[in-house]
């Protein structure tokens, strides 16, 4: 029994470490400068989803331990969304409803990206990425964000490849390295 608690504690620690790396990577200025990602709440959320997708894709192949770690990472994401909603001034009564909306958007984007990856449809993936950045806080009514969806699609594929090349036990311990963006290497 104590072994289970120790295993869970180590997994939670690894998940927090990976989630922190995901957040840091999703905030890299290169995405906003080189890929024209809008520096808005929605744009930052979409970059967070992209990085969550990359890591969750890898953990799918990690067997039971990978699935458990993925679950812990998603729980860290949901906790942060709960905190963010509260920090935005949403009343305690409405927080669960707002977090559910965010979770639905999150899972919808994950499903769309995953479907295109399973089909090996990189044009479809780029289109789904582009659509995710066309949101309510866009440049103006009738205008579109000029986000470089093809470049982000290439980045996703390269990230998955790079992380797959890492020994799985490194990832399960919370170590992750993302590929270069604009000539800079990121991760821990």
Protein backbone atom coordinates (compact mmCIF):
# COMPACT_ATOMS: atom_id res chain seq x y z
CA UNK A 1 0.00 0.00 0.00
CA UNK A 2 2.79 2.43 0.88
CA UNK A 3 4.39 1.58 -2.43
CA UNK A 4 1.23 2.75 -4.24
CA UNK A 5 1.33 6.11 -2.40
CA UNK A 6 5.05 6.50 -3.13
CA UNK A 7 4.44 5.67 -6.80
CA UNK A 8 1.57 8.13 -7.01
CA UNK A 9 3.60 10.87 -5.30
CA UNK A 10 6.50 10.35 -7.73
CA UNK A 11 4.10 10.36 -10.69
CA UNK A 12 2.42 13.55 -9.46
CA UNK A 13 5.82 15.20 -9.05
CA UNK A 14 6.83 14.14 -12.58
CA UNK A 15 3.49 15.40 -13.93
CA UNK A 16 3.96 18.80 -12.29
CA UNK A 17 7.48 19.02 -13.71
CA UNK A 18 6.25 18.14 -17.22
CA UNK A 19 3.27 20.49 -16.94
CA UNK A 20 5.59 23.35 -15.90
CA UNK A 21 7.76 22.59 -18.97
CA UNK A 22 4.64 22.56 -21.17
CA UNK A 23 3.55 25.95 -19.82
CA UNK A 24 7.04 27.42 -20.23
CA UNK A 25 7.35 26.13 -23.79
CA UNK A 26 3.89 27.36 -24.76
CA UNK A 27 4.91 30.87 -23.65
CA UNK A 28 8.10 30.94 -25.73
CA UNK A 29 8.23 34.31 -27.53
CA UNK A 30 9.30 32.60 -30.78
CA UNK A 31 5.77 31.28 -31.30
CA UNK A 32 4.36 34.76 -31.03
CA UNK A 33 7.08 36.40 -33.12
CA UNK A 34 7.85 33.78 -35.79
CA UNK A 35 4.54 31.94 -36.05
CA UNK A 36 2.24 34.96 -35.59
CA UNK A 37 0.44 33.36 -32.64
CA UNK A 38 -1.75 36.10 -31.15
CA UNK A 39 -0.49 37.15 -27.72
CA UNK A 40 -3.94 36.95 -26.18
CA UNK A 41 -5.51 34.78 -23.51
CA UNK A 42 -6.97 32.61 -26.27
CA UNK A 43 -3.70 32.44 -28.22
CA UNK A 44 -1.77 31.39 -25.11
CA UNK A 45 -4.45 28.78 -24.35
CA UNK A 46 -4.17 27.36 -27.88
CA UNK A 47 -0.39 27.07 -27.52
CA UNK A 48 -0.87 25.31 -24.18
CA UNK A 49 -3.26 22.85 -25.84
CA UNK A 50 -0.75 22.18 -28.64
CA UNK A 51 1.95 21.33 -26.11
CA UNK A 52 -0.42 19.21 -24.02
CA UNK A 53 -1.30 17.35 -27.23
CA UNK A 54 2.36 16.70 -28.03
CA UNK A 55 3.06 15.21 -24.61
CA UNK A 56 -0.19 13.24 -24.40
CA UNK A 57 0.50 11.71 -27.85
CA UNK A 58 3.81 10.38 -26.56
CA UNK A 59 2.39 9.08 -23.29
CA UNK A 60 -0.20 7.03 -25.21
CA UNK A 61 2.57 4.62 -26.13
CA UNK A 62 3.94 4.50 -22.57
CA UNK A 63 1.69 1.70 -21.38
CA UNK A 64 -0.07 1.90 -18.03
CA UNK A 65 2.56 4.21 -16.50
CA UNK A 66 2.25 6.56 -19.46
CA UNK A 67 -1.54 6.65 -19.13
CA UNK A 68 -1.34 7.34 -15.39
CA UNK A 69 1.19 10.13 -15.95
CA UNK A 70 -0.99 11.60 -18.71
CA UNK A 71 -3.95 11.63 -16.31
CA UNK A 72 -1.87 13.47 -13.70
CA UNK A 73 -0.77 16.06 -16.29
CA UNK A 74 -4.38 16.67 -17.36
CA UNK A 75 -5.34 17.07 -13.70
CA UNK A 76 -2.57 19.68 -13.29
CA UNK A 77 -3.98 21.49 -16.34
CA UNK A 78 -7.53 21.44 -14.91
CA UNK A 79 -6.29 22.73 -11.54
CA UNK A 80 -4.54 25.61 -13.30
CA UNK A 81 -7.66 26.41 -15.33
CA UNK A 82 -9.70 26.47 -12.09
CA UNK A 83 -7.20 28.90 -10.55
CA UNK A 84 -7.15 31.05 -13.69
CA UNK A 85 -10.96 31.27 -13.81
CA UNK A 86 -11.03 32.31 -10.14
CA UNK A 87 -8.26 34.88 -10.75
CA UNK A 88 -10.35 36.36 -13.57
CA UNK A 89 -13.04 37.09 -10.97
CA UNK A 90 -15.58 34.38 -11.78
CA UNK A 91 -17.80 33.72 -8.78
CA UNK A 92 -17.27 30.47 -6.88
CA UNK A 93 -20.70 29.29 -7.98
CA UNK A 94 -19.85 29.69 -11.69
CA UNK A 95 -16.29 28.32 -11.59
CA UNK A 96 -17.26 24.68 -12.28
CA UNK A 97 -19.34 25.73 -15.31
CA UNK A 98 -16.49 27.81 -16.75
CA UNK A 99 -13.92 25.08 -16.13
CA UNK A 100 -16.23 22.58 -17.89
CA UNK A 101 -16.37 24.92 -20.91
CA UNK A 102 -12.57 25.12 -20.98
CA UNK A 103 -12.28 21.33 -20.61
CA UNK A 104 -14.72 20.81 -23.50
CA UNK A 105 -12.70 23.17 -25.70
CA UNK A 106 -9.48 21.43 -24.63
CA UNK A 107 -10.78 17.92 -25.35
CA UNK A 108 -12.35 19.08 -28.62
CA UNK A 109 -9.01 20.43 -29.86
CA UNK A 110 -7.18 17.29 -28.68
CA UNK A 111 -9.66 15.11 -30.56
CA UNK A 112 -9.35 17.18 -33.75
CA UNK A 113 -5.53 17.11 -33.64
CA UNK A 114 -5.44 13.41 -32.75
CA UNK A 115 -7.82 12.51 -35.58
CA UNK A 116 -5.61 14.27 -38.13
CA UNK A 117 -2.46 12.66 -36.73
CA UNK A 118 -4.04 9.19 -36.87
CA UNK A 119 -4.92 9.82 -40.52
CA UNK A 120 -1.42 11.20 -41.17
CA UNK A 121 -3.23 14.22 -42.63
CA UNK A 122 -0.79 17.09 -42.08
CA UNK A 123 -2.89 19.49 -44.18
CA UNK A 124 -5.89 18.62 -42.02
CA UNK A 125 -3.80 19.11 -38.85
CA UNK A 126 -2.62 22.51 -40.08
CA UNK A 127 -6.23 23.45 -40.84
CA UNK A 128 -7.36 22.38 -37.35
CA UNK A 129 -4.53 24.41 -35.82
CA UNK A 130 -5.45 27.44 -37.90
CA UNK A 131 -9.12 27.11 -36.90
CA UNK A 132 -8.22 26.93 -33.21
CA UNK A 133 -6.60 30.37 -33.40
CA UNK A 134 -9.64 32.02 -35.00
CA UNK A 135 -11.46 32.96 -31.81
CA UNK A 136 -13.62 35.60 -30.23
CA UNK A 137 -10.62 37.72 -29.20
CA UNK A 138 -9.30 37.93 -32.76
CA UNK A 139 -8.01 41.03 -34.57
CA UNK A 140 -11.47 42.36 -35.30
CA UNK A 141 -14.78 41.31 -36.72
CA UNK A 142 -14.34 39.60 -40.07
CA UNK A 143 -10.54 39.50 -39.71
CA UNK A 144 -8.44 36.40 -39.24
CA UNK A 145 -5.23 35.72 -37.31
CA UNK A 146 -2.36 35.17 -39.75
CA UNK A 147 -1.02 32.31 -37.58
CA UNK A 148 1.57 30.14 -39.34
CA UNK A 149 -0.39 26.89 -38.98
CA UNK A 150 1.87 24.94 -41.36
CA UNK A 151 4.91 25.89 -39.29
CA UNK A 152 3.13 24.92 -36.07
CA UNK A 153 2.10 21.62 -37.66
CA UNK A 154 5.74 20.92 -38.56
CA UNK A 155 6.73 21.86 -35.01
CA UNK A 156 4.21 19.39 -33.55
CA UNK A 157 5.46 16.54 -35.73
CA UNK A 158 9.10 17.38 -34.94
CA UNK A 159 8.34 17.64 -31.21
CA UNK A 160 6.66 14.25 -31.16
CA UNK A 161 9.62 12.74 -33.04
CA UNK A 162 12.18 14.35 -30.70
CA UNK A 163 10.37 13.30 -27.54
CA UNK A 164 9.86 9.75 -28.87
CA UNK A 165 13.64 9.52 -29.27
CA UNK A 166 14.09 10.19 -25.56
CA UNK A 167 14.15 7.13 -23.30
CA UNK A 168 10.60 6.68 -21.99
CA UNK A 169 11.82 6.42 -18.41
CA UNK A 170 13.20 9.98 -18.69
CA UNK A 171 9.76 11.24 -19.66
CA UNK A 172 8.10 9.19 -16.91
CA UNK A 173 10.47 10.93 -14.48
CA UNK A 174 9.36 14.34 -15.70
CA UNK A 175 12.20 15.17 -18.10
CA UNK A 176 11.26 16.57 -21.48
CA UNK A 177 12.99 18.41 -24.34
CA UNK A 178 11.18 20.27 -27.06
CA UNK A 179 12.79 20.97 -30.45
CA UNK A 180 14.29 24.23 -31.55
CA UNK A 181 12.11 27.21 -32.39
CA UNK A 182 13.78 30.01 -34.30
CA UNK A 183 17.25 28.63 -33.52
CA UNK A 184 16.82 28.21 -29.75
CA UNK A 185 16.59 24.89 -27.83
CA UNK A 186 14.08 24.66 -24.98
CA UNK A 187 13.15 22.26 -22.21
CA UNK A 188 14.88 20.66 -19.24
